Structures are given as structure tokens and as C-alpha cells.
Amino acid sequence: MTLQGAMNELARGKRAFDINCARCHGIGGNGDTGPSLARAVLPRARTDSALRTVIASGIPGTEMPRSFWLSDLDVKRIIAYVRSLSDVGDKPASGNADRGRELFTPAGCGTCHIVDGVGGVVGPELTDVGARRSVVSLRRSLLDPAAEFPRQGGRQLFAVVRAETRAGTAVTGVRVNEDTYSIQLRDAAGRFYSLRKRDLRSLQRQSTTTLMPSASGKLRDDEVDDLVAYLASLRTAR
């Protein structure tokens, strides 16, 4: 293939990436709700074969979906484009991770989130959040929690639901599980409720609401920087 031909193929790979992948991984692969791909080594896709599998089949238990609609040629082009990003590098966190670790519990984060087996269960576990989320995404989640929600298989996780029983009792919490006949919720205090739908007067799904409070106005800018740096450092269970 000529140099011009290779450049054209890379441009097609970028276009396919922007259409199919940038929503989560950011324009240029620098990370957004998904991790940055602009790094020399991708932990889950060290080889092109492994990257092909991740793109085609997704990663079970994560927000990375299957991409069954992509042709083999599209996948090949996306792989080539992602590999071309290896010299771009990750955007570093500007704060101090040690200070952020000390701030995590006083700021109330541990009330809802688990890190290495310690903490609450109202929100998602954060033990490896630095490997799943970019610095940009972590900051946005702290300052504007309702701007994005974790998803799996197209389904919104930690969705907020308000249920009111026929007796007049109202419960607001994140949906833990739901089937045709019942729904299970956990409120901000960690209390668990299992409700039969036939006993409810109303069931409202609040798709743009989150129980997580914003750090804006509660933490100084440097404290937000430190907390982001700490979260970005969380990559594997210890």
C-alpha cells in the first residue's frame, strides 16, 4: 500500500472511530466516560487480536458493548487508528493523589462508594475507576453528576426511581433490580426496599436524576483536583 493509501485508510479508521467509539472514549481517544486509548499499552487489548475481540464482543460486566453492526473492515480500520494513538499519551491529573485519598472519606464519597472492599453500595464501586474513566470524565462526574450515567448493555445503571405505595409511603432510591412483579430500591442512606408493584400507587423513573451530590461549591478547586487525582490512581484491586 502506498503512503497516501495508508493515510486514507487511517482517515477512514478515524471516521469510523468518531462515529462508533468517540461518544465514550472521546475525540482522539483521549478518554471520556470510557478510558483513554491514547496509550502505548491497552491493558485489556495488548494485541490486535485482543483488541478485535473487545471491539466485536465488548467486555462483560462493563459499559463496553458489543459492536455487532461493524463490518470486519471497519473493525480493522478502527484497530489501526487506535494503535496510531499510542504516542499521544494520557492527560495527567493535576492534583495530589495522596491528599485526595485523605479527602475521600471526609468528603462523603465512602458513604456511597466502595474502594477495595470498604464503603457504601448506593453508587458504583470505584476500586478500578481510574482504569475505566478518564480524568475529564472523573472531574465531570464530581461537578455535574447528572451529566452522565454508567450503562451496561444499553441499560442505565443506578437509575433513580420514586415509588409511592397505596398507603401513601414514598421511597426514592436507586434501582437495584426489577422484574414484572416487583422492584428493589436502595435509598441514599443505604436502606434496601423490596416493593410489589401491585401495592404501588405510582412508580416514576427519574432518568435525569442522581442521588450523588455535586462537589461544586462544597469543595475548593484544589480539593477537586486532588480527589480527581486519587480516583484516577485507582486502577486495580489491592
Protein backbone atom coordinates (compact mmCIF):
# COMPACT_ATOMS: atom_id res chain seq x y z
CA MET A 1 0.00 0.00 0.00
CA THR A 2 1.29 3.45 -0.87
CA LEU A 3 1.83 6.09 1.82
CA GLN A 4 -1.20 8.01 0.53
CA GLY A 5 -3.26 4.84 0.61
CA ALA A 6 -2.21 4.18 4.21
CA MET A 7 -3.12 7.73 5.18
CA ASN A 8 -6.52 7.36 3.53
CA GLU A 9 -7.17 4.13 5.43
CA LEU A 10 -6.17 5.80 8.70
CA ALA A 11 -8.58 8.67 7.94
CA ARG A 12 -11.35 6.11 7.36
CA GLY A 13 -10.45 4.47 10.67
CA LYS A 14 -10.67 7.83 12.45
CA ARG A 15 -14.08 8.47 10.90
CA ALA A 16 -15.34 5.03 11.98
CA PHE A 17 -13.92 5.62 15.47
CA ASP A 18 -15.55 9.06 15.76
CA ILE A 19 -18.93 7.64 14.76
CA ASN A 20 -18.85 4.49 16.88
CA CYS A 21 -16.37 4.95 19.73
CA ALA A 22 -15.79 8.64 20.49
CA ARG A 23 -19.02 9.02 22.47
CA CYS A 24 -17.39 7.04 25.29
CA HIS A 25 -13.66 7.25 24.54
CA GLY A 26 -13.55 10.88 23.43
CA ILE A 27 -12.47 12.53 20.21
CA GLY A 28 -8.89 11.48 19.59
CA GLY A 29 -9.31 8.61 22.04
CA ASN A 30 -8.26 10.79 24.98
CA GLY A 31 -10.99 9.41 27.21
CA ASP A 32 -14.42 10.50 28.35
CA THR A 33 -16.88 8.16 30.05
CA GLY A 34 -14.63 5.39 28.78
CA PRO A 35 -10.89 5.13 29.40
CA SER A 36 -8.29 6.86 27.29
CA LEU A 37 -7.00 4.79 24.40
CA ALA A 38 -4.10 7.13 23.70
CA ARG A 39 -1.53 4.99 25.46
CA ALA A 40 1.25 2.66 24.46
CA VAL A 41 -0.33 -0.41 26.10
CA LEU A 42 -4.04 -1.14 26.45
CA PRO A 43 -4.37 -3.48 29.47
CA ARG A 44 -7.31 -5.42 28.01
CA ALA A 45 -6.06 -5.34 24.42
CA ARG A 46 -2.32 -5.77 24.27
CA THR A 47 -2.52 -7.38 20.83
CA ASP A 48 -4.54 -6.55 17.73
CA SER A 49 -6.36 -9.87 18.12
CA ALA A 50 -7.39 -8.98 21.68
CA LEU A 51 -8.48 -5.51 20.59
CA ARG A 52 -10.57 -7.04 17.81
CA THR A 53 -12.31 -9.25 20.37
CA VAL A 54 -13.00 -6.29 22.67
CA ILE A 55 -14.49 -4.24 19.83
CA ALA A 56 -16.60 -7.08 18.46
CA SER A 57 -17.72 -8.74 21.70
CA GLY A 58 -17.48 -5.97 24.30
CA ILE A 59 -16.36 -6.56 27.87
CA PRO A 60 -18.93 -8.38 30.04
CA GLY A 61 -19.69 -6.64 33.32
CA THR A 62 -18.55 -3.25 32.00
CA GLU A 63 -20.03 -0.43 29.94
CA MET A 64 -18.18 -1.61 26.81
CA PRO A 65 -20.88 -3.05 24.49
CA ARG A 66 -20.71 -5.45 21.57
CA SER A 67 -20.30 -3.80 18.19
CA PHE A 68 -22.14 -6.33 16.07
CA TRP A 69 -23.04 -3.72 13.45
CA LEU A 70 -19.43 -3.08 12.43
CA SER A 71 -18.02 -4.85 9.40
CA ASP A 72 -14.70 -6.67 9.58
CA LEU A 73 -13.19 -3.87 7.50
CA ASP A 74 -14.49 -1.19 9.90
CA VAL A 75 -13.02 -3.08 12.86
CA LYS A 76 -9.68 -3.40 11.07
CA ARG A 77 -9.62 0.32 10.35
CA ILE A 78 -10.57 1.22 13.94
CA ILE A 79 -7.79 -1.02 15.27
CA ALA A 80 -5.25 0.72 13.04
CA TYR A 81 -6.48 4.13 14.17
CA VAL A 82 -6.41 3.20 17.87
CA ARG A 83 -2.85 1.90 17.52
CA SER A 84 -1.87 5.20 15.90
CA LEU A 85 -2.86 6.98 19.11
CA SER A 86 -0.19 5.25 21.19
CA ASP A 87 2.19 8.21 21.08
CA VAL A 88 -0.43 10.77 22.15
CA GLY A 89 -0.31 9.90 25.85
CA ASP A 90 -2.88 10.24 28.62
CA LYS A 91 -3.92 13.58 30.03
CA PRO A 92 -2.43 13.59 33.54
CA ALA A 93 -4.34 14.56 36.65
CA SER A 94 -3.08 17.86 38.06
CA GLY A 95 -3.90 17.21 41.73
CA ASN A 96 -2.20 15.31 44.54
CA ALA A 97 -3.49 11.73 44.83
CA ASP A 98 -2.32 11.34 48.45
CA ARG A 99 -4.27 14.41 49.55
CA GLY A 100 -7.23 13.14 47.52
CA ARG A 101 -7.11 9.81 49.36
CA GLU A 102 -7.27 11.63 52.68
CA LEU A 103 -10.18 13.72 51.40
CA PHE A 104 -12.23 10.81 50.04
CA THR A 105 -13.91 9.83 53.31
CA PRO A 106 -14.42 13.33 54.84
CA ALA A 107 -15.97 14.46 51.53
CA GLY A 108 -18.59 11.73 51.95
CA CYS A 109 -17.55 9.64 48.95
CA GLY A 110 -17.10 6.48 51.01
CA THR A 111 -20.70 6.64 52.19
CA CYS A 112 -21.91 5.51 48.78
CA HIS A 113 -18.88 4.03 47.02
CA ILE A 114 -16.69 1.02 47.75
CA VAL A 115 -12.91 1.12 47.30
CA ASP A 116 -11.06 -2.13 47.99
CA GLY A 117 -13.99 -3.61 49.89
CA VAL A 118 -14.62 -0.60 52.13
CA GLY A 119 -17.52 1.81 51.73
CA GLY A 120 -21.19 2.02 50.80
CA VAL A 121 -23.10 0.34 47.99
CA VAL A 122 -25.51 3.06 46.84
CA GLY A 123 -23.19 4.10 44.00
CA PRO A 124 -20.82 2.15 41.73
CA GLU A 125 -17.66 0.56 43.05
CA LEU A 126 -14.58 2.71 42.43
CA THR A 127 -11.77 0.22 43.10
CA ASP A 128 -10.58 0.35 39.47
CA VAL A 129 -12.34 3.52 38.29
CA GLY A 130 -9.07 5.07 37.10
CA ALA A 131 -8.74 2.29 34.52
CA ARG A 132 -12.32 2.79 33.32
CA ARG A 133 -12.74 6.56 33.35
CA SER A 134 -10.68 9.42 32.02
CA VAL A 135 -9.57 12.41 34.10
CA VAL A 136 -12.07 14.56 32.19
CA SER A 137 -14.92 12.16 32.95
CA LEU A 138 -13.99 11.86 36.64
CA ARG A 139 -13.98 15.63 37.05
CA ARG A 140 -17.33 15.97 35.29
CA SER A 141 -18.84 13.25 37.49
CA LEU A 142 -17.78 15.15 40.61
CA LEU A 143 -19.00 18.56 39.47
CA ASP A 144 -22.07 17.54 37.43
CA PRO A 145 -23.06 14.00 38.46
CA ALA A 146 -26.24 14.02 36.38
CA ALA A 147 -24.33 14.75 33.15
CA GLU A 148 -23.67 11.07 32.52
CA PHE A 149 -24.72 7.72 33.91
CA PRO A 150 -23.00 4.34 33.85
CA ARG A 151 -24.66 1.93 31.43
CA GLN A 152 -24.41 -1.76 30.71
CA GLY A 153 -25.90 -3.44 27.69
CA GLY A 154 -27.79 -0.25 26.86
CA ARG A 155 -29.42 -0.20 30.32
CA GLN A 156 -28.86 2.69 32.68
CA LEU A 157 -27.32 1.59 35.96
CA PHE A 158 -28.05 3.25 39.31
CA ALA A 159 -31.23 4.77 37.88
CA VAL A 160 -33.22 6.79 40.40
CA VAL A 161 -36.82 5.71 40.98
CA ARG A 162 -39.55 7.22 43.15
CA ALA A 163 -42.18 4.76 44.35
CA GLU A 164 -45.30 5.62 46.30
CA THR A 165 -47.38 2.92 47.97
CA ARG A 166 -51.16 2.92 48.09
CA ALA A 167 -50.78 3.65 51.79
CA GLY A 168 -49.02 6.93 50.94
CA THR A 169 -45.44 5.97 51.79
CA ALA A 170 -42.89 7.36 49.31
CA VAL A 171 -39.46 5.87 48.68
CA THR A 172 -36.77 7.35 46.43
CA GLY A 173 -33.66 5.35 45.65
CA VAL A 174 -31.52 3.70 43.01
CA ARG A 175 -32.95 0.67 41.28
CA VAL A 176 -31.15 -2.49 42.36
CA ASN A 177 -33.33 -4.96 40.48
CA GLU A 178 -36.70 -5.08 38.79
CA ASP A 179 -38.98 -7.65 37.21
CA THR A 180 -42.61 -7.76 36.07
CA TYR A 181 -44.00 -8.00 39.59
CA SER A 182 -41.56 -6.23 41.91
CA ILE A 183 -38.82 -3.63 42.17
CA GLN A 184 -35.95 -3.34 44.63
CA LEU A 185 -34.54 0.05 45.61
CA ARG A 186 -31.74 1.35 47.84
CA ASP A 187 -32.06 4.88 49.21
CA ALA A 188 -29.31 7.43 49.88
CA ALA A 189 -28.87 6.10 53.42
CA GLY A 190 -28.26 2.59 52.12
CA ARG A 191 -31.63 1.20 53.23
CA PHE A 192 -32.98 -1.57 50.99
CA TYR A 193 -36.61 -1.84 49.91
CA SER A 194 -38.38 -4.62 48.03
CA LEU A 195 -41.76 -3.46 46.75
CA ARG A 196 -44.56 -5.32 44.97
CA LYS A 197 -45.77 -3.31 42.02
CA ARG A 198 -49.39 -4.16 42.68
CA ASP A 199 -49.07 -2.35 46.02
CA LEU A 200 -47.83 0.88 44.42
CA ARG A 201 -49.87 3.95 43.58
CA SER A 202 -47.13 5.32 41.33
CA LEU A 203 -43.68 4.40 40.03
CA GLN A 204 -41.66 7.21 38.49
CA ARG A 205 -38.34 6.59 36.77
CA GLN A 206 -36.22 9.74 37.02
CA SER A 207 -33.78 9.19 34.16
CA THR A 208 -32.05 12.57 34.53
CA THR A 209 -31.70 12.50 38.32
CA THR A 210 -28.92 11.15 40.52
CA LEU A 211 -28.57 10.71 44.26
CA MET A 212 -24.96 11.84 44.06
CA PRO A 213 -24.49 15.46 45.18
CA SER A 214 -22.26 17.81 43.22
CA ALA A 215 -18.89 18.78 44.67
CA SER A 216 -19.30 22.25 43.16
CA GLY A 217 -19.47 24.80 45.96
CA LYS A 218 -18.65 22.15 48.56
CA LEU A 219 -15.02 21.50 47.68
CA ARG A 220 -12.37 24.02 46.68
CA ASP A 221 -10.92 23.78 43.17
CA ASP A 222 -7.66 22.34 44.52
CA GLU A 223 -9.59 19.75 46.54
CA VAL A 224 -11.47 18.69 43.39
CA ASP A 225 -8.09 18.37 41.63
CA ASP A 226 -6.76 16.18 44.45
CA LEU A 227 -9.86 13.98 44.53
CA VAL A 228 -9.73 13.52 40.75
CA ALA A 229 -6.04 12.57 41.01
CA TYR A 230 -6.85 9.97 43.67
CA LEU A 231 -9.71 8.47 41.67
CA ALA A 232 -7.52 8.38 38.54
CA SER A 233 -4.93 6.40 40.54
CA LEU A 234 -7.44 3.64 41.36
CA ARG A 235 -6.76 1.00 38.75
CA THR A 236 -6.74 -2.47 40.29
CA ALA A 237 -7.89 -4.17 43.47
CA ARG A 238 -5.14 -4.38 46.07
